[in-house]
């Protein structure tokens, strides 16, 4: 019922605004400069530590993050949206929409008009048409007179509805965590009329280490230390500029991570004749579409029967709690591996020997191992507060409130998270 209520509110908002996926009207000439010079809310910096599982904070390896949690707000956890993958959840965080509603339904997708999308396809990643079903917060902020900057964020490389963030960089994994921090601080050093009020910062070391070595490895522990050191550099830089107590800082993750032993592989070609289907994706969430001239219905009937180490559904029968299956980009047959397993082929295992991930995500977003970090600190947030777990769609309306801008139609619930703010900031 809560989901239906949110959709009703979103529909009413979309009706009154004209269309949720259209860009907000740009201010008239001179309006933006006037807005920039008038009183504005505190700047907001959104930091993502990819794959920082909620319980990683308990390892005692991240003192800077622990300080922010102790003196600000810490959630028990934040539940990712399904599927618990990187691109879908990063776009959910900045749109407030479930992946089924913003269109980035997987890291690997197929669209009848646009073709194939994958993380390594730079042309697709930078094509705004893939992202146009959602309105990212930087677009709305920019349209209401607030400058924006993204130090790597899925979607920020694309021209969405004719807009980019004011300052952005194409993703480059060779840019070190310290260099990423220094760029954010450099943007904050710009003259007031050019300075961004909304910024993002992205770290991916923890995710890489989790995939390569598994979440319980010394490699992840070292990545936690290194990322916390970069956060310490950020905090020190903010303090030198007198900004630490004047900027609202949200540090979160897109999803968690689970161990996947090498032997835990479902060889899908033993269950589905791959020559008879169009394969969209393998991995934790595998997807298949019909191929002309083959009996796809028979394949679905067989695969929807109980399977070892995975579950499969026709997209129209995916459990409602996943909020997934209505978007045309969701494959007709979706198979979800049980936590700790992967869906692959014997050929893939053979050709990638020595490079198979020992840690994975994308699983059922209710699994505790998929729970993500959420910590917030700043003038708007309570000090020393602990709040219950909440879904990540709620981050978007929280951020639009902090920035004082209208929210586009979304699936989030501001009332569910406003308790983490000081009464004056609510």
Protein backbone atom coordinates (compact mmCIF):
# COMPACT_ATOMS: atom_id res chain seq x y z
CA UNK A 1 0.00 0.00 0.00
CA UNK A 2 2.86 2.38 0.81
CA UNK A 3 4.29 1.86 -2.68
CA UNK A 4 0.91 2.49 -4.29
CA UNK A 5 0.48 5.63 -2.20
CA UNK A 6 3.91 6.87 -3.29
CA UNK A 7 3.06 6.19 -6.92
CA UNK A 8 -0.19 8.13 -6.55
CA UNK A 9 1.68 11.10 -5.11
CA UNK A 10 4.26 10.82 -7.87
CA UNK A 11 1.55 10.72 -10.51
CA UNK A 12 -0.14 13.82 -9.07
CA UNK A 13 3.20 15.63 -8.96
CA UNK A 14 3.95 14.63 -12.52
CA UNK A 15 0.51 15.81 -13.67
CA UNK A 16 0.90 19.21 -12.03
CA UNK A 17 4.43 19.61 -13.36
CA UNK A 18 3.55 18.54 -16.89
CA UNK A 19 5.92 15.56 -17.18
CA UNK A 20 8.30 14.12 -14.61
CA UNK A 21 10.92 13.18 -17.15
CA UNK A 22 11.04 16.60 -18.80
CA UNK A 23 13.68 19.06 -17.62
CA UNK A 24 12.49 21.84 -15.32
CA UNK A 25 12.02 25.16 -17.06
CA UNK A 26 15.22 27.17 -17.14
CA UNK A 27 15.19 30.49 -15.27
CA UNK A 28 14.77 33.63 -17.33
CA UNK A 29 17.89 35.54 -18.31
CA UNK A 30 19.52 37.00 -15.25
CA UNK A 31 17.41 34.97 -12.83
CA UNK A 32 20.17 32.46 -12.17
CA UNK A 33 22.71 35.15 -11.30
CA UNK A 34 20.21 36.79 -8.97
CA UNK A 35 19.47 33.46 -7.30
CA UNK A 36 23.16 32.75 -6.87
CA UNK A 37 23.68 36.05 -5.09
CA UNK A 38 20.66 35.69 -2.79
CA UNK A 39 20.50 33.69 0.42
CA UNK A 40 21.02 30.01 -0.29
CA UNK A 41 20.89 26.82 1.78
CA UNK A 42 24.06 25.18 3.00
CA UNK A 43 26.01 23.34 0.30
CA UNK A 44 25.36 19.62 0.03
CA UNK A 45 28.08 17.05 -0.71
CA UNK A 46 26.96 13.53 -1.55
CA UNK A 47 29.73 10.93 -1.16
CA UNK A 48 29.38 7.36 -2.40
CA UNK A 49 31.72 4.60 -1.23
CA UNK A 50 30.81 1.87 -3.69
CA UNK A 51 29.96 -1.45 -1.97
CA UNK A 52 30.55 -0.21 1.58
CA UNK A 53 28.39 -2.78 3.37
CA UNK A 54 26.65 -1.35 6.43
CA UNK A 55 28.48 -3.60 8.89
CA UNK A 56 31.93 -2.64 7.53
CA UNK A 57 31.75 0.34 9.88
CA UNK A 58 31.94 -2.09 12.82
CA UNK A 59 35.40 -3.30 11.78
CA UNK A 60 37.05 -0.31 13.43
CA UNK A 61 39.12 0.51 10.36
CA UNK A 62 37.46 3.80 9.40
CA UNK A 63 37.97 6.38 12.19
CA UNK A 64 36.98 9.38 10.08
CA UNK A 65 33.71 7.77 9.08
CA UNK A 66 33.14 6.69 12.69
CA UNK A 67 33.64 10.30 13.81
CA UNK A 68 31.08 11.54 11.28
CA UNK A 69 28.62 8.89 12.46
CA UNK A 70 29.19 9.66 16.14
CA UNK A 71 28.78 13.42 15.75
CA UNK A 72 26.07 13.24 13.10
CA UNK A 73 23.49 10.69 11.99
CA UNK A 74 24.01 6.98 11.36
CA UNK A 75 21.36 4.68 9.94
CA UNK A 76 21.27 1.06 11.02
CA UNK A 77 21.53 0.46 7.29
CA UNK A 78 20.11 1.64 4.00
CA UNK A 79 18.32 -0.84 1.77
CA UNK A 80 19.36 -0.69 -1.88
CA UNK A 81 16.83 -0.94 -4.66
CA UNK A 82 16.57 -4.11 -6.70
CA UNK A 83 18.72 -5.16 -8.41
CA UNK A 84 21.45 -4.25 -5.94
CA UNK A 85 23.85 -3.19 -8.69
CA UNK A 86 25.98 -0.07 -9.13
CA UNK A 87 24.40 1.92 -11.95
CA UNK A 88 20.74 1.25 -11.04
CA UNK A 89 21.28 2.30 -7.43
CA UNK A 90 23.42 5.34 -8.08
CA UNK A 91 20.73 6.67 -10.39
CA UNK A 92 18.04 5.84 -7.82
CA UNK A 93 19.91 7.92 -5.24
CA UNK A 94 19.84 11.05 -7.41
CA UNK A 95 16.32 10.59 -8.86
CA UNK A 96 14.37 8.95 -6.03
CA UNK A 97 12.99 6.44 -8.54
CA UNK A 98 13.19 2.67 -8.46
CA UNK A 99 15.27 1.30 -11.37
CA UNK A 100 12.07 0.06 -12.99
CA UNK A 101 10.92 3.68 -13.14
CA UNK A 102 14.12 5.51 -14.10
CA UNK A 103 15.10 2.98 -16.76
CA UNK A 104 18.60 1.96 -15.64
CA UNK A 105 17.40 -1.53 -14.79
CA UNK A 106 20.79 -3.27 -14.81
CA UNK A 107 24.47 -2.61 -15.45
CA UNK A 108 23.90 -4.50 -18.71
CA UNK A 109 20.71 -3.82 -20.68
CA UNK A 110 19.05 -4.03 -24.07
CA UNK A 111 16.65 -1.44 -25.48
CA UNK A 112 14.83 -2.09 -28.77
CA UNK A 113 15.57 1.44 -30.01
CA UNK A 114 18.94 2.16 -28.39
CA UNK A 115 20.58 -1.26 -28.55
CA UNK A 116 22.98 -2.53 -25.90
CA UNK A 117 24.16 -0.83 -22.72
CA UNK A 118 27.03 -1.91 -20.48
CA UNK A 119 29.42 -0.23 -18.05
CA UNK A 120 32.28 -0.48 -20.54
CA UNK A 121 30.30 0.97 -23.45
CA UNK A 122 31.36 4.60 -23.22
CA UNK A 123 29.06 5.72 -26.02
CA UNK A 124 26.01 4.23 -24.29
CA UNK A 125 27.01 5.52 -20.85
CA UNK A 126 27.25 9.03 -22.29
CA UNK A 127 24.00 8.84 -24.26
CA UNK A 128 21.33 10.84 -22.43
CA UNK A 129 18.51 8.82 -23.98
CA UNK A 130 19.33 5.90 -21.69
CA UNK A 131 18.90 8.15 -18.63
CA UNK A 132 15.96 10.27 -19.76
CA UNK A 133 13.27 8.42 -17.81
CA UNK A 134 14.57 10.06 -14.63
CA UNK A 135 15.38 13.65 -13.66
CA UNK A 136 18.64 13.74 -11.70
CA UNK A 137 18.91 16.20 -8.85
CA UNK A 138 21.70 18.18 -10.51
CA UNK A 139 19.32 19.00 -13.37
CA UNK A 140 16.66 20.40 -11.06
CA UNK A 141 19.21 22.23 -8.93
CA UNK A 142 20.78 23.83 -11.99
CA UNK A 143 17.39 24.91 -13.29
CA UNK A 144 16.69 26.66 -9.98
CA UNK A 145 19.88 28.67 -9.84
CA UNK A 146 22.21 26.31 -7.96
CA UNK A 147 25.49 25.33 -9.56
CA UNK A 148 26.36 21.63 -9.45
CA UNK A 149 29.48 19.47 -9.69
CA UNK A 150 29.97 15.70 -9.96
CA UNK A 151 33.27 14.01 -9.29
CA UNK A 152 32.19 10.80 -11.06
CA UNK A 153 28.56 9.68 -10.77
CA UNK A 154 26.62 7.36 -13.09
CA UNK A 155 24.57 9.52 -15.41
CA UNK A 156 26.62 12.68 -15.01
CA UNK A 157 28.55 12.05 -18.23
CA UNK A 158 25.33 12.07 -20.27
CA UNK A 159 23.50 15.03 -21.69
CA UNK A 160 20.16 14.34 -19.95
CA UNK A 161 17.29 16.49 -21.20
CA UNK A 162 19.90 18.83 -22.65
CA UNK A 163 21.76 19.34 -19.38
CA UNK A 164 24.99 18.26 -17.68
CA UNK A 165 26.14 19.27 -14.20
CA UNK A 166 27.97 22.60 -14.37
CA UNK A 167 31.23 20.82 -13.56
CA UNK A 168 31.79 17.14 -14.29
CA UNK A 169 34.46 14.71 -15.42
CA UNK A 170 34.25 11.47 -17.39
CA UNK A 171 35.00 8.47 -15.21
CA UNK A 172 38.68 7.56 -15.03
CA UNK A 173 39.62 4.79 -12.63
CA UNK A 174 43.22 5.99 -12.60
CA UNK A 175 42.27 9.17 -10.74
CA UNK A 176 43.30 8.48 -7.14
CA UNK A 177 41.04 9.03 -4.13
CA UNK A 178 43.19 11.98 -3.02
CA UNK A 179 42.93 13.55 -6.48
CA UNK A 180 39.16 13.16 -6.40
CA UNK A 181 39.01 14.88 -3.02
CA UNK A 182 41.28 17.68 -4.21
CA UNK A 183 39.04 18.34 -7.20
CA UNK A 184 35.98 18.68 -4.97
CA UNK A 185 37.87 21.08 -2.71
CA UNK A 186 39.01 23.05 -5.75
CA UNK A 187 35.39 23.46 -6.84
CA UNK A 188 34.56 24.73 -3.36
CA UNK A 189 37.36 27.29 -3.73
CA UNK A 190 35.71 28.92 -6.75
CA UNK A 191 34.33 32.46 -6.41
CA UNK A 192 30.83 32.56 -4.87
CA UNK A 193 29.06 33.11 -8.18
CA UNK A 194 30.76 30.05 -9.70
CA UNK A 195 30.86 27.78 -6.65
CA UNK A 196 28.65 24.65 -6.73
CA UNK A 197 26.03 24.17 -4.03
CA UNK A 198 25.47 20.50 -4.81
CA UNK A 199 28.44 18.20 -5.32
CA UNK A 200 29.10 14.47 -5.57
CA UNK A 201 32.22 12.44 -4.83
CA UNK A 202 32.70 8.78 -5.70
CA UNK A 203 35.15 6.18 -4.34
CA UNK A 204 35.37 2.66 -5.78
CA UNK A 205 38.33 0.95 -4.04
CA UNK A 206 36.14 -0.98 -1.61
CA UNK A 207 34.03 -2.37 -4.44
CA UNK A 208 37.07 -3.45 -6.48
CA UNK A 209 38.65 -5.17 -3.48
CA UNK A 210 35.39 -6.91 -2.60
CA UNK A 211 35.02 -8.32 -6.09
CA UNK A 212 38.63 -9.40 -6.37
CA UNK A 213 39.20 -10.82 -2.90
CA UNK A 214 35.79 -11.20 -1.24
CA UNK A 215 34.23 -9.04 1.49
CA UNK A 216 36.01 -10.74 4.39
CA UNK A 217 39.49 -10.35 2.91
CA UNK A 218 42.53 -8.33 4.01
CA UNK A 219 42.19 -6.58 0.65
CA UNK A 220 38.83 -5.10 1.63
CA UNK A 221 40.20 -4.10 5.03
CA UNK A 222 43.00 -2.18 3.33
CA UNK A 223 40.58 -0.54 0.92
CA UNK A 224 38.50 0.60 3.90
CA UNK A 225 41.59 2.17 5.48
CA UNK A 226 42.62 3.87 2.24
CA UNK A 227 39.16 5.28 1.57
CA UNK A 228 38.86 6.55 5.13
CA UNK A 229 42.20 8.30 4.68
CA UNK A 230 40.76 10.09 1.64
CA UNK A 231 37.74 11.09 3.74
CA UNK A 232 40.13 12.42 6.38
CA UNK A 233 41.76 14.52 3.67
CA UNK A 234 38.32 15.83 2.70
CA UNK A 235 37.41 16.69 6.31
CA UNK A 236 40.75 18.43 6.87
CA UNK A 237 40.26 20.43 3.67
CA UNK A 238 36.76 21.46 4.69
CA UNK A 239 38.01 22.54 8.12
CA UNK A 240 40.79 24.67 6.63
CA UNK A 241 38.16 26.46 4.58
CA UNK A 242 35.81 26.92 7.53
CA UNK A 243 33.27 24.71 5.78
CA UNK A 244 33.15 21.56 7.88
CA UNK A 245 30.35 22.84 10.13
CA UNK A 246 28.63 24.70 7.27
CA UNK A 247 28.27 21.95 4.68
CA UNK A 248 25.76 19.10 4.78
CA UNK A 249 27.65 15.89 4.10
CA UNK A 250 25.98 12.58 3.23
CA UNK A 251 28.22 9.50 2.98
CA UNK A 252 26.55 6.35 1.72
CA UNK A 253 26.91 3.27 -0.45
CA UNK A 254 24.98 1.85 -3.35
CA UNK A 255 24.88 -1.72 -2.04
CA UNK A 256 26.78 -4.28 0.04
CA UNK A 257 28.82 -7.35 -0.93
CA UNK A 258 28.61 -11.12 -0.42
CA UNK A 259 31.22 -13.87 -0.68
CA UNK A 260 30.92 -16.14 -3.72
CA UNK A 261 33.18 -19.21 -3.74
CA UNK A 262 34.52 -20.13 -7.15
CA UNK A 263 32.62 -23.42 -7.11
CA UNK A 264 29.27 -21.65 -6.58
CA UNK A 265 28.40 -21.29 -10.25
CA UNK A 266 25.06 -22.10 -11.88
CA UNK A 267 25.92 -23.14 -15.43
CA UNK A 268 22.92 -21.76 -17.23
CA UNK A 269 23.52 -23.56 -20.55
CA UNK A 270 22.63 -26.80 -18.75
CA UNK A 271 19.16 -25.40 -18.10
CA UNK A 272 18.43 -23.09 -21.04
CA UNK A 273 19.36 -23.81 -24.68
CA UNK A 274 21.18 -20.51 -25.23
CA UNK A 275 20.86 -20.76 -29.01
CA UNK A 276 17.09 -20.56 -28.53
CA UNK A 277 17.05 -17.25 -26.60
CA UNK A 278 18.50 -13.75 -26.77
CA UNK A 279 20.79 -13.40 -23.76
CA UNK A 280 20.79 -9.93 -22.22
CA UNK A 281 22.96 -10.54 -19.14
CA UNK A 282 24.66 -13.13 -16.99
CA UNK A 283 25.96 -12.66 -13.46
CA UNK A 284 23.79 -12.32 -10.37
CA UNK A 285 20.75 -11.17 -12.33
CA UNK A 286 20.58 -13.00 -15.66
CA UNK A 287 18.11 -11.96 -18.32
CA UNK A 288 16.78 -13.59 -21.48
CA UNK A 289 14.42 -12.43 -24.24
CA UNK A 290 12.49 -14.47 -26.81
CA UNK A 291 14.10 -15.42 -30.08
CA UNK A 292 11.83 -15.71 -33.12
CA UNK A 293 11.07 -19.26 -34.13
CA UNK A 294 11.63 -20.79 -30.69
CA UNK A 295 9.21 -21.82 -27.94
CA UNK A 296 10.11 -19.25 -25.27
CA UNK A 297 6.94 -20.01 -23.30
CA UNK A 298 8.10 -23.59 -22.77
CA UNK A 299 11.50 -22.36 -21.56
CA UNK A 300 9.78 -20.01 -19.12
CA UNK A 301 7.50 -22.73 -17.76
CA UNK A 302 10.50 -24.94 -17.09
CA UNK A 303 12.64 -22.20 -15.55
CA UNK A 304 9.87 -20.90 -13.29
CA UNK A 305 9.82 -24.25 -11.58
CA UNK A 306 12.01 -24.46 -8.43
CA UNK A 307 15.69 -24.33 -9.40
CA UNK A 308 18.82 -25.04 -7.40
CA UNK A 309 20.60 -21.88 -6.25
CA UNK A 310 18.42 -19.44 -8.20
CA UNK A 311 14.88 -18.29 -8.88
CA UNK A 312 13.43 -17.35 -12.28
CA UNK A 313 10.33 -15.38 -13.23
CA UNK A 314 8.58 -14.04 -16.26
CA UNK A 315 8.91 -10.26 -15.81
CA UNK A 316 5.16 -9.96 -15.16
CA UNK A 317 5.43 -12.34 -12.20
CA UNK A 318 8.44 -10.90 -10.37
CA UNK A 319 7.48 -10.43 -6.67
CA UNK A 320 5.92 -7.01 -6.07
CA UNK A 321 8.36 -6.18 -3.27
CA UNK A 322 11.14 -5.82 -5.86
CA UNK A 323 9.29 -2.98 -7.66
CA UNK A 324 10.67 -4.46 -10.86
CA UNK A 325 9.38 -5.81 -14.14
CA UNK A 326 7.27 -3.15 -15.82
CA UNK A 327 10.04 -1.36 -17.72
CA UNK A 328 10.52 -2.50 -21.34
CA UNK A 329 14.25 -2.87 -20.68
CA UNK A 330 13.66 -5.62 -18.11
CA UNK A 331 14.17 -8.92 -19.98
CA UNK A 332 11.18 -11.21 -20.39
CA UNK A 333 12.78 -13.93 -18.25
CA UNK A 334 14.73 -12.83 -15.18
CA UNK A 335 16.81 -15.25 -13.10
CA UNK A 336 18.19 -14.21 -9.72
CA UNK A 337 21.01 -16.17 -8.13
CA UNK A 338 20.77 -17.11 -4.47
CA UNK A 339 23.13 -15.05 -2.34
CA UNK A 340 26.60 -16.54 -2.62
CA UNK A 341 26.06 -17.91 -6.14
CA UNK A 342 26.56 -16.61 -9.69
CA UNK A 343 24.86 -17.45 -13.01
CA UNK A 344 27.38 -18.04 -15.76
CA UNK A 345 28.55 -20.47 -18.44
CA UNK A 346 31.32 -23.03 -18.59
CA UNK A 347 32.90 -21.07 -21.44
CA UNK A 348 33.00 -17.88 -19.37
CA UNK A 349 34.61 -19.69 -16.44
CA UNK A 350 37.22 -21.19 -18.73
CA UNK A 351 38.08 -17.98 -20.57
CA UNK A 352 38.20 -15.89 -17.38
CA UNK A 353 40.10 -18.37 -15.25
CA UNK A 354 41.85 -16.49 -12.48
CA UNK A 355 39.60 -13.44 -12.92
CA UNK A 356 36.32 -14.67 -11.45
CA UNK A 357 34.93 -12.42 -8.72
CA UNK A 358 35.02 -13.81 -5.19
CA UNK A 359 32.59 -11.15 -4.02
CA UNK A 360 29.34 -10.09 -5.68
CA UNK A 361 26.21 -7.97 -5.31
CA UNK A 362 22.98 -7.65 -7.23
CA UNK A 363 21.17 -10.12 -4.98
CA UNK A 364 17.80 -9.86 -3.24
CA UNK A 365 17.89 -6.39 -1.72
CA UNK A 366 16.35 -7.69 1.52
CA UNK A 367 19.44 -9.79 2.21
CA UNK A 368 21.48 -8.26 5.09
CA UNK A 369 24.67 -8.66 3.05
CA UNK A 370 23.31 -6.17 0.52
CA UNK A 371 22.66 -3.49 3.14
CA UNK A 372 24.45 -0.22 2.47
CA UNK A 373 26.10 2.45 4.60
CA UNK A 374 24.37 5.74 5.43
CA UNK A 375 26.01 8.48 7.52
CA UNK A 376 25.19 12.21 7.49
CA UNK A 377 26.80 15.22 9.17
CA UNK A 378 26.28 18.96 8.96
CA UNK A 379 24.27 21.94 10.18
CA UNK A 380 20.94 20.40 9.19
CA UNK A 381 21.52 17.02 10.84
CA UNK A 382 21.06 15.94 14.42
CA UNK A 383 24.18 15.10 16.43
CA UNK A 384 24.72 11.57 17.69
CA UNK A 385 21.49 10.20 16.23
CA UNK A 386 20.83 6.61 15.21
CA UNK A 387 17.94 5.99 12.83
CA UNK A 388 16.34 2.77 11.56
CA UNK A 389 17.05 1.20 8.18
CA UNK A 390 15.25 2.87 5.27
CA UNK A 391 15.04 2.39 1.47
CA UNK A 392 17.45 4.39 -0.65
CA UNK A 393 14.66 6.04 -2.68
CA UNK A 394 14.15 8.28 0.38
CA UNK A 395 17.55 9.95 -0.02
CA UNK A 396 16.38 12.02 -3.00
CA UNK A 397 13.51 13.90 -1.28
CA UNK A 398 15.82 14.44 1.70
CA UNK A 399 18.37 16.12 -0.58
CA UNK A 400 15.88 18.28 -2.45
CA UNK A 401 14.58 19.46 0.91
CA UNK A 402 18.09 20.34 2.06
CA UNK A 403 18.71 22.29 -1.15
CA UNK A 404 15.34 24.03 -1.02
CA UNK A 405 14.33 22.93 -4.52
CA UNK A 406 11.17 21.16 -5.71
CA UNK A 407 11.37 17.41 -6.10
CA UNK A 408 10.51 15.78 -9.39
CA UNK A 409 8.02 12.89 -9.22
CA UNK A 410 9.70 10.13 -7.23
CA UNK A 411 9.15 6.98 -5.17
CA UNK A 412 10.71 8.37 -1.99
CA UNK A 413 9.13 9.45 1.28
CA UNK A 414 10.58 12.55 2.93
CA UNK A 415 8.48 12.00 6.06
CA UNK A 416 10.30 8.69 6.63
CA UNK A 417 13.70 10.39 6.93
CA UNK A 418 13.01 13.93 8.16
CA UNK A 419 13.56 12.72 11.74
CA UNK A 420 17.31 12.72 11.12
CA UNK A 421 17.18 16.52 10.74
CA UNK A 422 17.22 19.12 13.48
CA UNK A 423 13.70 20.50 14.06
CA UNK A 424 14.66 23.86 12.56
CA UNK A 425 15.82 22.13 9.38
CA UNK A 426 12.66 20.09 8.91
